[in-house]
């Protein structure tokens, strides 16, 4: 019987479309019935962003508050595999990603279905995937694999590059000095290999060992420095999100958050990472290894 695969995703810049097109090449070549659904919110998020809109998306992203979706159609009631492709916003699934997971017809399709999550991130994705796991669990889905594509440049140059792209719409080297933002063309092309692995397991009808195989192929990796940052920043973002939503002057609270974010990113984080590297990490190697193994898995 012909295998049926559904891909659900949202994109602003179009980068996730490129990733999906590459990842699904082996499925198309293997004669698998492939349905790709690009979902939009109502109202949709414009691209490029304005600075105000970018920071205004923080509270609802962190707190998992959905938006209505523009009408879309899912043709089948059951699939052999559902691929949920998404991007993190503020260390959480983006508002559109959360909205997709809370849609009634998506919930019906996800129930008892195997799911692969395909993440396109600047570099931090651990907290977002933890929240996505919970959404999948609530929908009765079975997570069988997670694949993560990231911007491989260092954290601070990457942050400046991505802000340039998001606020200008230009995916070029900012000032001719900073790296090109986003996931590299080479990594997007290499997603075909991860797609081939997933396709092979789909055709076998057995998902056991898929995640371990993908980890061996470096379909996802955990950076020790970013792990350290995410463990702390995720909790702080939740505090800020609650302050903004409960405060009387949302705009004022968001301005404060913007200043906090820039100070934390460009001043505090480098200092804290240096202190951690020199004085704490040597004594926490076993704990770090265990945490990495957890995030590379599906539990």
C-alpha atoms as a PDB file:
ATOM      1  CA  UNK A   1       0.000   0.000   0.000  1.00  0.00           C
ATOM      2  CA  UNK A   2       1.286   3.475  -0.894  1.00  0.00           C
ATOM      3  CA  UNK A   3       2.633   5.351   2.125  1.00  0.00           C
ATOM      4  CA  UNK A   4       1.094   8.734   2.898  1.00  0.00           C
ATOM      5  CA  UNK A   5       3.064  11.585   4.455  1.00  0.00           C
ATOM      6  CA  UNK A   6       1.756  14.963   5.626  1.00  0.00           C
ATOM      7  CA  UNK A   7       4.028  17.989   6.153  1.00  0.00           C
ATOM      8  CA  UNK A   8       2.686  20.865   8.243  1.00  0.00           C
ATOM      9  CA  UNK A   9       4.591  24.131   8.538  1.00  0.00           C
ATOM     10  CA  UNK A  10       4.640  27.916   8.637  1.00  0.00           C
ATOM     11  CA  UNK A  11       7.291  30.242   7.247  1.00  0.00           C
ATOM     12  CA  UNK A  12       7.835  33.979   6.959  1.00  0.00           C
ATOM     13  CA  UNK A  13      11.119  34.276   5.103  1.00  0.00           C
ATOM     14  CA  UNK A  14      10.713  31.144   2.978  1.00  0.00           C
ATOM     15  CA  UNK A  15      13.759  29.395   4.434  1.00  0.00           C
ATOM     16  CA  UNK A  16      11.697  26.591   5.955  1.00  0.00           C
ATOM     17  CA  UNK A  17      10.147  25.968   2.533  1.00  0.00           C
ATOM     18  CA  UNK A  18      13.659  25.436   1.130  1.00  0.00           C
ATOM     19  CA  UNK A  19      14.472  23.004   3.934  1.00  0.00           C
ATOM     20  CA  UNK A  20      11.273  21.018   3.446  1.00  0.00           C
ATOM     21  CA  UNK A  21      11.786  20.867  -0.315  1.00  0.00           C
ATOM     22  CA  UNK A  22      15.251  19.410   0.261  1.00  0.00           C
ATOM     23  CA  UNK A  23      14.256  17.044   3.075  1.00  0.00           C
ATOM     24  CA  UNK A  24      11.341  15.560   1.120  1.00  0.00           C
ATOM     25  CA  UNK A  25      13.236  14.845  -2.126  1.00  0.00           C
ATOM     26  CA  UNK A  26      13.777  11.164  -1.171  1.00  0.00           C
ATOM     27  CA  UNK A  27      10.085  10.775  -0.339  1.00  0.00           C
ATOM     28  CA  UNK A  28       9.118  12.040  -3.785  1.00  0.00           C
ATOM     29  CA  UNK A  29      11.709   9.848  -5.463  1.00  0.00           C
ATOM     30  CA  UNK A  30      10.453   6.860  -3.484  1.00  0.00           C
ATOM     31  CA  UNK A  31       6.932   7.226  -4.842  1.00  0.00           C
ATOM     32  CA  UNK A  32       5.459   8.176  -1.480  1.00  0.00           C
ATOM     33  CA  UNK A  33       2.257  10.207  -1.474  1.00  0.00           C
ATOM     34  CA  UNK A  34       3.344  13.572  -0.097  1.00  0.00           C
ATOM     35  CA  UNK A  35       1.017  16.345   1.030  1.00  0.00           C
ATOM     36  CA  UNK A  36       2.698  19.618   2.027  1.00  0.00           C
ATOM     37  CA  UNK A  37       0.517  22.194   3.794  1.00  0.00           C
ATOM     38  CA  UNK A  38       1.823  25.692   4.468  1.00  0.00           C
ATOM     39  CA  UNK A  39      -0.363  27.291   7.118  1.00  0.00           C
ATOM     40  CA  UNK A  40      -0.807  31.017   7.793  1.00  0.00           C
ATOM     41  CA  UNK A  41      -2.098  32.840  10.851  1.00  0.00           C
ATOM     42  CA  UNK A  42      -4.858  35.411  10.880  1.00  0.00           C
ATOM     43  CA  UNK A  43      -3.581  38.102  10.893  1.00  0.00           C
ATOM     44  CA  UNK A  44      -0.347  36.881   9.357  1.00  0.00           C
ATOM     45  CA  UNK A  45       3.097  38.004  10.468  1.00  0.00           C
ATOM     46  CA  UNK A  46       4.677  40.343   7.950  1.00  0.00           C
ATOM     47  CA  UNK A  47       8.225  39.970   6.678  1.00  0.00           C
ATOM     48  CA  UNK A  48      10.458  41.775   7.201  1.00  0.00           C
ATOM     49  CA  UNK A  49       9.482  42.459  10.774  1.00  0.00           C
ATOM     50  CA  UNK A  50       9.167  45.858  12.328  1.00  0.00           C
ATOM     51  CA  UNK A  51      11.061  46.187  15.601  1.00  0.00           C
ATOM     52  CA  UNK A  52       7.810  46.750  17.516  1.00  0.00           C
ATOM     53  CA  UNK A  53       6.123  43.661  16.041  1.00  0.00           C
ATOM     54  CA  UNK A  54       9.168  41.491  16.669  1.00  0.00           C
ATOM     55  CA  UNK A  55       9.273  42.205  20.395  1.00  0.00           C
ATOM     56  CA  UNK A  56       5.481  42.209  20.679  1.00  0.00           C
ATOM     57  CA  UNK A  57       5.489  38.521  19.671  1.00  0.00           C
ATOM     58  CA  UNK A  58       7.497  37.526  22.748  1.00  0.00           C
ATOM     59  CA  UNK A  59       4.799  37.037  25.431  1.00  0.00           C
ATOM     60  CA  UNK A  60       2.417  34.945  23.317  1.00  0.00           C
ATOM     61  CA  UNK A  61       5.304  32.857  21.962  1.00  0.00           C
ATOM     62  CA  UNK A  62       6.618  32.049  25.424  1.00  0.00           C
ATOM     63  CA  UNK A  63       3.200  31.448  26.990  1.00  0.00           C
ATOM     64  CA  UNK A  64       1.936  29.351  24.066  1.00  0.00           C
ATOM     65  CA  UNK A  65      -1.040  31.574  23.195  1.00  0.00           C
ATOM     66  CA  UNK A  66      -2.298  30.734  19.670  1.00  0.00           C
ATOM     67  CA  UNK A  67      -3.752  32.856  16.887  1.00  0.00           C
ATOM     68  CA  UNK A  68      -6.593  31.875  14.539  1.00  0.00           C
ATOM     69  CA  UNK A  69      -5.421  30.232  11.323  1.00  0.00           C
ATOM     70  CA  UNK A  70      -6.413  31.104   7.798  1.00  0.00           C
ATOM     71  CA  UNK A  71      -8.538  28.318   6.245  1.00  0.00           C
ATOM     72  CA  UNK A  72      -6.518  25.337   5.021  1.00  0.00           C
ATOM     73  CA  UNK A  73      -7.275  21.784   3.952  1.00  0.00           C
ATOM     74  CA  UNK A  74      -5.877  18.446   5.053  1.00  0.00           C
ATOM     75  CA  UNK A  75      -7.002  15.900   2.479  1.00  0.00           C
ATOM     76  CA  UNK A  76      -6.714  12.641   4.421  1.00  0.00           C
ATOM     77  CA  UNK A  77      -7.828  11.571   7.870  1.00  0.00           C
ATOM     78  CA  UNK A  78      -4.835   9.295   8.497  1.00  0.00           C
ATOM     79  CA  UNK A  79      -1.180   9.359   7.465  1.00  0.00           C
ATOM     80  CA  UNK A  80       1.712   6.953   7.876  1.00  0.00           C
ATOM     81  CA  UNK A  81       3.889   9.882   8.962  1.00  0.00           C
ATOM     82  CA  UNK A  82       3.332  13.523   9.894  1.00  0.00           C
ATOM     83  CA  UNK A  83       6.260  15.940   9.653  1.00  0.00           C
ATOM     84  CA  UNK A  84       5.845  19.039  11.804  1.00  0.00           C
ATOM     85  CA  UNK A  85       8.372  21.662  10.672  1.00  0.00           C
ATOM     86  CA  UNK A  86       8.694  24.757  12.821  1.00  0.00           C
ATOM     87  CA  UNK A  87      10.907  27.601  14.015  1.00  0.00           C
ATOM     88  CA  UNK A  88      11.548  28.671  17.632  1.00  0.00           C
ATOM     89  CA  UNK A  89      10.675  32.210  18.701  1.00  0.00           C
ATOM     90  CA  UNK A  90      12.045  33.341  22.055  1.00  0.00           C
ATOM     91  CA  UNK A  91      13.088  29.787  23.011  1.00  0.00           C
ATOM     92  CA  UNK A  92       9.555  28.510  22.379  1.00  0.00           C
ATOM     93  CA  UNK A  93       7.673  27.186  19.356  1.00  0.00           C
ATOM     94  CA  UNK A  94       6.650  30.158  17.220  1.00  0.00           C
ATOM     95  CA  UNK A  95       3.120  31.457  17.614  1.00  0.00           C
ATOM     96  CA  UNK A  96       2.141  29.937  14.233  1.00  0.00           C
ATOM     97  CA  UNK A  97       3.628  26.565  15.258  1.00  0.00           C
ATOM     98  CA  UNK A  98       1.653  26.548  18.503  1.00  0.00           C
ATOM     99  CA  UNK A  99      -1.471  27.618  16.601  1.00  0.00           C
ATOM    100  CA  UNK A 100      -1.073  24.713  14.172  1.00  0.00           C
ATOM    101  CA  UNK A 101      -0.753  22.224  17.014  1.00  0.00           C
ATOM    102  CA  UNK A 102      -3.952  23.525  18.621  1.00  0.00           C
ATOM    103  CA  UNK A 103      -6.054  23.389  15.440  1.00  0.00           C
ATOM    104  CA  UNK A 104      -8.922  20.881  15.583  1.00  0.00           C
ATOM    105  CA  UNK A 105      -8.280  19.135  12.259  1.00  0.00           C
ATOM    106  CA  UNK A 106      -4.546  18.901  13.028  1.00  0.00           C
ATOM    107  CA  UNK A 107      -5.353  17.344  16.388  1.00  0.00           C
ATOM    108  CA  UNK A 108      -7.445  14.683  14.644  1.00  0.00           C
ATOM    109  CA  UNK A 109      -4.637  13.837  12.230  1.00  0.00           C
ATOM    110  CA  UNK A 110      -1.945  13.723  14.917  1.00  0.00           C
ATOM    111  CA  UNK A 111      -3.761  11.297  17.192  1.00  0.00           C
ATOM    112  CA  UNK A 112      -1.922   7.947  17.198  1.00  0.00           C
ATOM    113  CA  UNK A 113       0.321   9.108  14.339  1.00  0.00           C
ATOM    114  CA  UNK A 114       4.135   8.925  14.161  1.00  0.00           C
ATOM    115  CA  UNK A 115       5.643  12.418  13.975  1.00  0.00           C
ATOM    116  CA  UNK A 116       9.007  13.789  12.944  1.00  0.00           C
ATOM    117  CA  UNK A 117       9.793  17.320  14.107  1.00  0.00           C
ATOM    118  CA  UNK A 118      11.986  19.345  11.757  1.00  0.00           C
ATOM    119  CA  UNK A 119      13.379  22.493  13.365  1.00  0.00           C
ATOM    120  CA  UNK A 120      14.956  25.497  11.653  1.00  0.00           C
ATOM    121  CA  UNK A 121      16.597  27.637  14.346  1.00  0.00           C
ATOM    122  CA  UNK A 122      19.176  30.357  14.721  1.00  0.00           C
ATOM    123  CA  UNK A 123      20.940  28.200  17.300  1.00  0.00           C
ATOM    124  CA  UNK A 124      18.770  27.600  20.387  1.00  0.00           C
ATOM    125  CA  UNK A 125      16.025  24.984  20.189  1.00  0.00           C
ATOM    126  CA  UNK A 126      16.070  22.896  23.383  1.00  0.00           C
ATOM    127  CA  UNK A 127      13.286  24.675  25.294  1.00  0.00           C
ATOM    128  CA  UNK A 128      11.165  24.964  22.173  1.00  0.00           C
ATOM    129  CA  UNK A 129      11.351  21.228  21.553  1.00  0.00           C
ATOM    130  CA  UNK A 130      10.444  20.455  25.159  1.00  0.00           C
ATOM    131  CA  UNK A 131       7.263  22.482  24.688  1.00  0.00           C
ATOM    132  CA  UNK A 132       6.603  20.843  21.327  1.00  0.00           C
ATOM    133  CA  UNK A 133       6.922  17.412  22.954  1.00  0.00           C
ATOM    134  CA  UNK A 134       4.158  18.379  25.373  1.00  0.00           C
ATOM    135  CA  UNK A 135       1.902  19.579  22.558  1.00  0.00           C
ATOM    136  CA  UNK A 136       2.453  16.308  20.694  1.00  0.00           C
ATOM    137  CA  UNK A 137       1.736  14.312  23.835  1.00  0.00           C
ATOM    138  CA  UNK A 138      -1.503  16.224  24.439  1.00  0.00           C
ATOM    139  CA  UNK A 139      -2.546  15.406  20.875  1.00  0.00           C
ATOM    140  CA  UNK A 140      -1.812  11.706  21.309  1.00  0.00           C
ATOM    141  CA  UNK A 141       0.999  11.707  18.738  1.00  0.00           C
ATOM    142  CA  UNK A 142       4.149   9.581  18.854  1.00  0.00           C
ATOM    143  CA  UNK A 143       7.413  11.464  18.325  1.00  0.00           C
ATOM    144  CA  UNK A 144       9.738   9.180  16.340  1.00  0.00           C
ATOM    145  CA  UNK A 145      12.516  11.605  15.383  1.00  0.00           C
ATOM    146  CA  UNK A 146      13.764  15.154  15.738  1.00  0.00           C
ATOM    147  CA  UNK A 147      15.982  16.912  13.190  1.00  0.00           C
ATOM    148  CA  UNK A 148      17.499  20.353  13.786  1.00  0.00           C
ATOM    149  CA  UNK A 149      19.146  22.702  11.300  1.00  0.00           C
ATOM    150  CA  UNK A 150      20.857  25.775  12.743  1.00  0.00           C
ATOM    151  CA  UNK A 151      23.004  28.753  11.853  1.00  0.00           C
ATOM    152  CA  UNK A 152      26.505  27.443  12.649  1.00  0.00           C
ATOM    153  CA  UNK A 153      28.148  30.832  13.207  1.00  0.00           C
ATOM    154  CA  UNK A 154      29.082  31.997  16.689  1.00  0.00           C
ATOM    155  CA  UNK A 155      26.299  33.322  18.884  1.00  0.00           C
ATOM    156  CA  UNK A 156      26.916  37.091  18.816  1.00  0.00           C
ATOM    157  CA  UNK A 157      27.716  37.510  15.089  1.00  0.00           C
ATOM    158  CA  UNK A 158      24.770  35.237  14.330  1.00  0.00           C
ATOM    159  CA  UNK A 159      22.435  37.383  16.463  1.00  0.00           C
ATOM    160  CA  UNK A 160      23.464  40.568  14.654  1.00  0.00           C
ATOM    161  CA  UNK A 161      23.099  38.899  11.254  1.00  0.00           C
ATOM    162  CA  UNK A 162      19.644  37.509  11.991  1.00  0.00           C
ATOM    163  CA  UNK A 163      18.395  40.876  13.269  1.00  0.00           C
ATOM    164  CA  UNK A 164      19.623  42.478  10.055  1.00  0.00           C
ATOM    165  CA  UNK A 165      17.735  39.876   7.989  1.00  0.00           C
ATOM    166  CA  UNK A 166      14.518  40.029  10.007  1.00  0.00           C
ATOM    167  CA  UNK A 167      14.302  43.818  10.118  1.00  0.00           C
ATOM    168  CA  UNK A 168      15.489  44.569   6.569  1.00  0.00           C
ATOM    169  CA  UNK A 169      14.410  41.471   4.640  1.00  0.00           C
ATOM    170  CA  UNK A 170      17.913  41.303   3.128  1.00  0.00           C
ATOM    171  CA  UNK A 171      19.703  38.000   3.493  1.00  0.00           C
ATOM    172  CA  UNK A 172      23.173  39.340   2.850  1.00  0.00           C
ATOM    173  CA  UNK A 173      26.326  40.078   4.824  1.00  0.00           C
ATOM    174  CA  UNK A 174      25.553  43.014   7.106  1.00  0.00           C
ATOM    175  CA  UNK A 175      28.132  45.769   6.533  1.00  0.00           C
ATOM    176  CA  UNK A 176      30.069  43.307   4.395  1.00  0.00           C
ATOM    177  CA  UNK A 177      31.580  41.928   7.601  1.00  0.00           C
ATOM    178  CA  UNK A 178      29.040  39.801   9.458  1.00  0.00           C
ATOM    179  CA  UNK A 179      28.220  36.285   8.210  1.00  0.00           C
ATOM    180  CA  UNK A 180      25.275  35.623   5.931  1.00  0.00           C
ATOM    181  CA  UNK A 181      22.269  34.988   8.188  1.00  0.00           C
ATOM    182  CA  UNK A 182      20.266  31.813   8.436  1.00  0.00           C
ATOM    183  CA  UNK A 183      21.005  28.174   7.754  1.00  0.00           C
ATOM    184  CA  UNK A 184      23.681  27.640   5.130  1.00  0.00           C
ATOM    185  CA  UNK A 185      22.831  26.449   1.619  1.00  0.00           C
ATOM    186  CA  UNK A 186      25.085  23.445   2.227  1.00  0.00           C
ATOM    187  CA  UNK A 187      23.171  22.380   5.343  1.00  0.00           C
ATOM    188  CA  UNK A 188      19.856  22.824   3.543  1.00  0.00           C
ATOM    189  CA  UNK A 189      21.143  20.621   0.714  1.00  0.00           C
ATOM    190  CA  UNK A 190      22.372  18.038   3.238  1.00  0.00           C
ATOM    191  CA  UNK A 191      18.842  17.745   4.638  1.00  0.00           C
ATOM    192  CA  UNK A 192      18.198  15.357   1.748  1.00  0.00           C
ATOM    193  CA  UNK A 193      20.358  12.797   3.514  1.00  0.00           C
ATOM    194  CA  UNK A 194      18.285  13.030   6.689  1.00  0.00           C
ATOM    195  CA  UNK A 195      15.173  12.743   4.558  1.00  0.00           C
ATOM    196  CA  UNK A 196      16.536   9.593   2.952  1.00  0.00           C
ATOM    197  CA  UNK A 197      17.124   8.040   6.366  1.00  0.00           C
ATOM    198  CA  UNK A 198      13.589   8.884   7.497  1.00  0.00           C
ATOM    199  CA  UNK A 199      12.192   7.570   4.225  1.00  0.00           C
ATOM    200  CA  UNK A 200      14.023   4.252   4.649  1.00  0.00           C
ATOM    201  CA  UNK A 201      12.508   3.724   8.094  1.00  0.00           C
ATOM    202  CA  UNK A 202       9.068   4.704   6.810  1.00  0.00           C
ATOM    203  CA  UNK A 203       9.250   2.095   4.070  1.00  0.00           C
ATOM    204  CA  UNK A 204      10.364  -0.520   6.601  1.00  0.00           C
ATOM    205  CA  UNK A 205       7.366   0.334   8.744  1.00  0.00           C
ATOM    206  CA  UNK A 206       9.496   0.337  11.898  1.00  0.00           C
ATOM    207  CA  UNK A 207      10.762   3.488  13.608  1.00  0.00           C
ATOM    208  CA  UNK A 208      13.001   1.778  16.167  1.00  0.00           C
ATOM    209  CA  UNK A 209      16.524   3.163  15.967  1.00  0.00           C
ATOM    210  CA  UNK A 210      15.699   6.100  13.696  1.00  0.00           C
ATOM    211  CA  UNK A 211      16.667   8.792  16.190  1.00  0.00           C
ATOM    212  CA  UNK A 212      19.939   7.064  17.043  1.00  0.00           C
ATOM    213  CA  UNK A 213      20.767   6.823  13.340  1.00  0.00           C
ATOM    214  CA  UNK A 214      20.029  10.519  12.824  1.00  0.00           C
ATOM    215  CA  UNK A 215      22.177  11.474  15.814  1.00  0.00           C
ATOM    216  CA  UNK A 216      25.007   9.493  14.242  1.00  0.00           C
ATOM    217  CA  UNK A 217      24.497  11.488  11.050  1.00  0.00           C
ATOM    218  CA  UNK A 218      24.633  14.729  13.076  1.00  0.00           C
ATOM    219  CA  UNK A 219      21.071  15.626  12.170  1.00  0.00           C
ATOM    220  CA  UNK A 220      21.032  17.460  15.510  1.00  0.00           C
ATOM    221  CA  UNK A 221      23.720  18.513  17.967  1.00  0.00           C
ATOM    222  CA  UNK A 222      23.747  20.100  21.419  1.00  0.00           C
ATOM    223  CA  UNK A 223      26.202  22.935  22.108  1.00  0.00           C
ATOM    224  CA  UNK A 224      27.402  23.083  25.737  1.00  0.00           C
ATOM    225  CA  UNK A 225      27.485  26.897  25.895  1.00  0.00           C
ATOM    226  CA  UNK A 226      24.024  27.253  24.392  1.00  0.00           C
ATOM    227  CA  UNK A 227      22.708  24.557  26.735  1.00  0.00           C
ATOM    228  CA  UNK A 228      23.965  26.621  29.677  1.00  0.00           C
ATOM    229  CA  UNK A 229      22.312  29.794  28.325  1.00  0.00           C
ATOM    230  CA  UNK A 230      18.989  28.141  27.509  1.00  0.00           C
ATOM    231  CA  UNK A 231      18.587  26.578  30.940  1.00  0.00           C
ATOM    232  CA  UNK A 232      18.586  30.056  32.461  1.00  0.00           C
ATOM    233  CA  UNK A 233      17.104  32.215  29.710  1.00  0.00           C
ATOM    234  CA  UNK A 234      14.013  30.046  29.325  1.00  0.00           C
ATOM    235  CA  UNK A 235      12.932  30.697  32.912  1.00  0.00           C
ATOM    236  CA  UNK A 236      13.678  34.422  32.611  1.00  0.00           C
ATOM    237  CA  UNK A 237      11.659  34.711  29.397  1.00  0.00           C
ATOM    238  CA  UNK A 238       8.665  33.178  31.176  1.00  0.00           C
ATOM    239  CA  UNK A 239       8.932  35.790  33.932  1.00  0.00           C
ATOM    240  CA  UNK A 240       9.129  38.588  31.364  1.00  0.00           C
ATOM    241  CA  UNK A 241       6.183  37.204  29.377  1.00  0.00           C
ATOM    242  CA  UNK A 242       3.986  37.180  32.473  1.00  0.00           C
ATOM    243  CA  UNK A 243       5.059  40.690  33.434  1.00  0.00           C
ATOM    244  CA  UNK A 244       4.175  42.009  29.973  1.00  0.00           C
ATOM    245  CA  UNK A 245       0.780  40.308  29.778  1.00  0.00           C
ATOM    246  CA  UNK A 246      -0.236  41.263  33.311  1.00  0.00           C
ATOM    247  CA  UNK A 247       1.177  44.792  33.255  1.00  0.00           C
ATOM    248  CA  UNK A 248      -1.025  47.794  32.575  1.00  0.00           C
ATOM    249  CA  UNK A 249       1.292  49.306  29.959  1.00  0.00           C
ATOM    250  CA  UNK A 250       2.303  46.556  27.520  1.00  0.00           C
ATOM    251  CA  UNK A 251       4.397  48.854  25.330  1.00  0.00           C
ATOM    252  CA  UNK A 252       6.460  50.087  28.269  1.00  0.00           C
ATOM    253  CA  UNK A 253       7.122  46.576  29.540  1.00  0.00           C
ATOM    254  CA  UNK A 254       8.176  45.476  26.045  1.00  0.00           C
ATOM    255  CA  UNK A 255      10.617  48.381  25.804  1.00  0.00           C
ATOM    256  CA  UNK A 256      12.158  47.277  29.086  1.00  0.00           C
ATOM    257  CA  UNK A 257      12.372  43.710  27.792  1.00  0.00           C
ATOM    258  CA  UNK A 258      14.114  44.899  24.622  1.00  0.00           C
ATOM    259  CA  UNK A 259      16.801  46.680  26.659  1.00  0.00           C
ATOM    260  CA  UNK A 260      17.148  43.638  28.912  1.00  0.00           C
ATOM    261  CA  UNK A 261      17.548  41.321  25.925  1.00  0.00           C
ATOM    262  CA  UNK A 262      20.300  43.346  24.318  1.00  0.00           C
ATOM    263  CA  UNK A 263      22.178  43.731  27.608  1.00  0.00           C
ATOM    264  CA  UNK A 264      21.819  40.017  28.389  1.00  0.00           C
ATOM    265  CA  UNK A 265      22.844  38.935  24.898  1.00  0.00           C
ATOM    266  CA  UNK A 266      25.798  41.207  24.272  1.00  0.00           C
ATOM    267  CA  UNK A 267      27.144  41.899  27.779  1.00  0.00           C
ATOM    268  CA  UNK A 268      25.946  39.442  30.415  1.00  0.00           C
ATOM    269  CA  UNK A 269      25.990  36.181  28.426  1.00  0.00           C
ATOM    270  CA  UNK A 270      29.650  36.400  27.299  1.00  0.00           C
ATOM    271  CA  UNK A 271      30.763  37.213  30.854  1.00  0.00           C
ATOM    272  CA  UNK A 272      28.701  34.419  32.423  1.00  0.00           C
ATOM    273  CA  UNK A 273      29.909  31.893  29.843  1.00  0.00           C
ATOM    274  CA  UNK A 274      33.519  32.793  30.570  1.00  0.00           C
ATOM    275  CA  UNK A 275      33.031  32.362  34.315  1.00  0.00           C
ATOM    276  CA  UNK A 276      31.209  29.067  33.762  1.00  0.00           C
ATOM    277  CA  UNK A 277      33.951  27.777  31.462  1.00  0.00           C
ATOM    278  CA  UNK A 278      36.751  28.629  33.903  1.00  0.00           C
ATOM    279  CA  UNK A 279      35.240  27.741  37.253  1.00  0.00           C
ATOM    280  CA  UNK A 280      32.219  25.453  36.922  1.00  0.00           C
ATOM    281  CA  UNK A 281      32.210  23.392  33.726  1.00  0.00           C
ATOM    282  CA  UNK A 282      35.252  21.244  34.654  1.00  0.00           C
ATOM    283  CA  UNK A 283      33.285  19.891  37.630  1.00  0.00           C
ATOM    284  CA  UNK A 284      30.042  19.348  35.707  1.00  0.00           C
ATOM    285  CA  UNK A 285      31.202  17.292  32.743  1.00  0.00           C
ATOM    286  CA  UNK A 286      29.151  14.208  33.677  1.00  0.00           C
ATOM    287  CA  UNK A 287      25.996  16.282  34.205  1.00  0.00           C
ATOM    288  CA  UNK A 288      26.505  18.099  30.885  1.00  0.00           C
ATOM    289  CA  UNK A 289      26.959  14.786  29.070  1.00  0.00           C
ATOM    290  CA  UNK A 290      23.727  13.426  30.566  1.00  0.00           C
ATOM    291  CA  UNK A 291      21.803  16.551  29.585  1.00  0.00           C
ATOM    292  CA  UNK A 292      23.129  16.372  26.031  1.00  0.00           C
ATOM    293  CA  UNK A 293      22.039  12.750  25.735  1.00  0.00           C
ATOM    294  CA  UNK A 294      18.580  13.701  26.959  1.00  0.00           C
ATOM    295  CA  UNK A 295      18.098  16.472  24.391  1.00  0.00           C
ATOM    296  CA  UNK A 296      19.428  14.283  21.599  1.00  0.00           C
ATOM    297  CA  UNK A 297      16.740  11.726  22.450  1.00  0.00           C
ATOM    298  CA  UNK A 298      12.967  11.726  22.375  1.00  0.00           C
ATOM    299  CA  UNK A 299      11.940  11.231  26.012  1.00  0.00           C
END
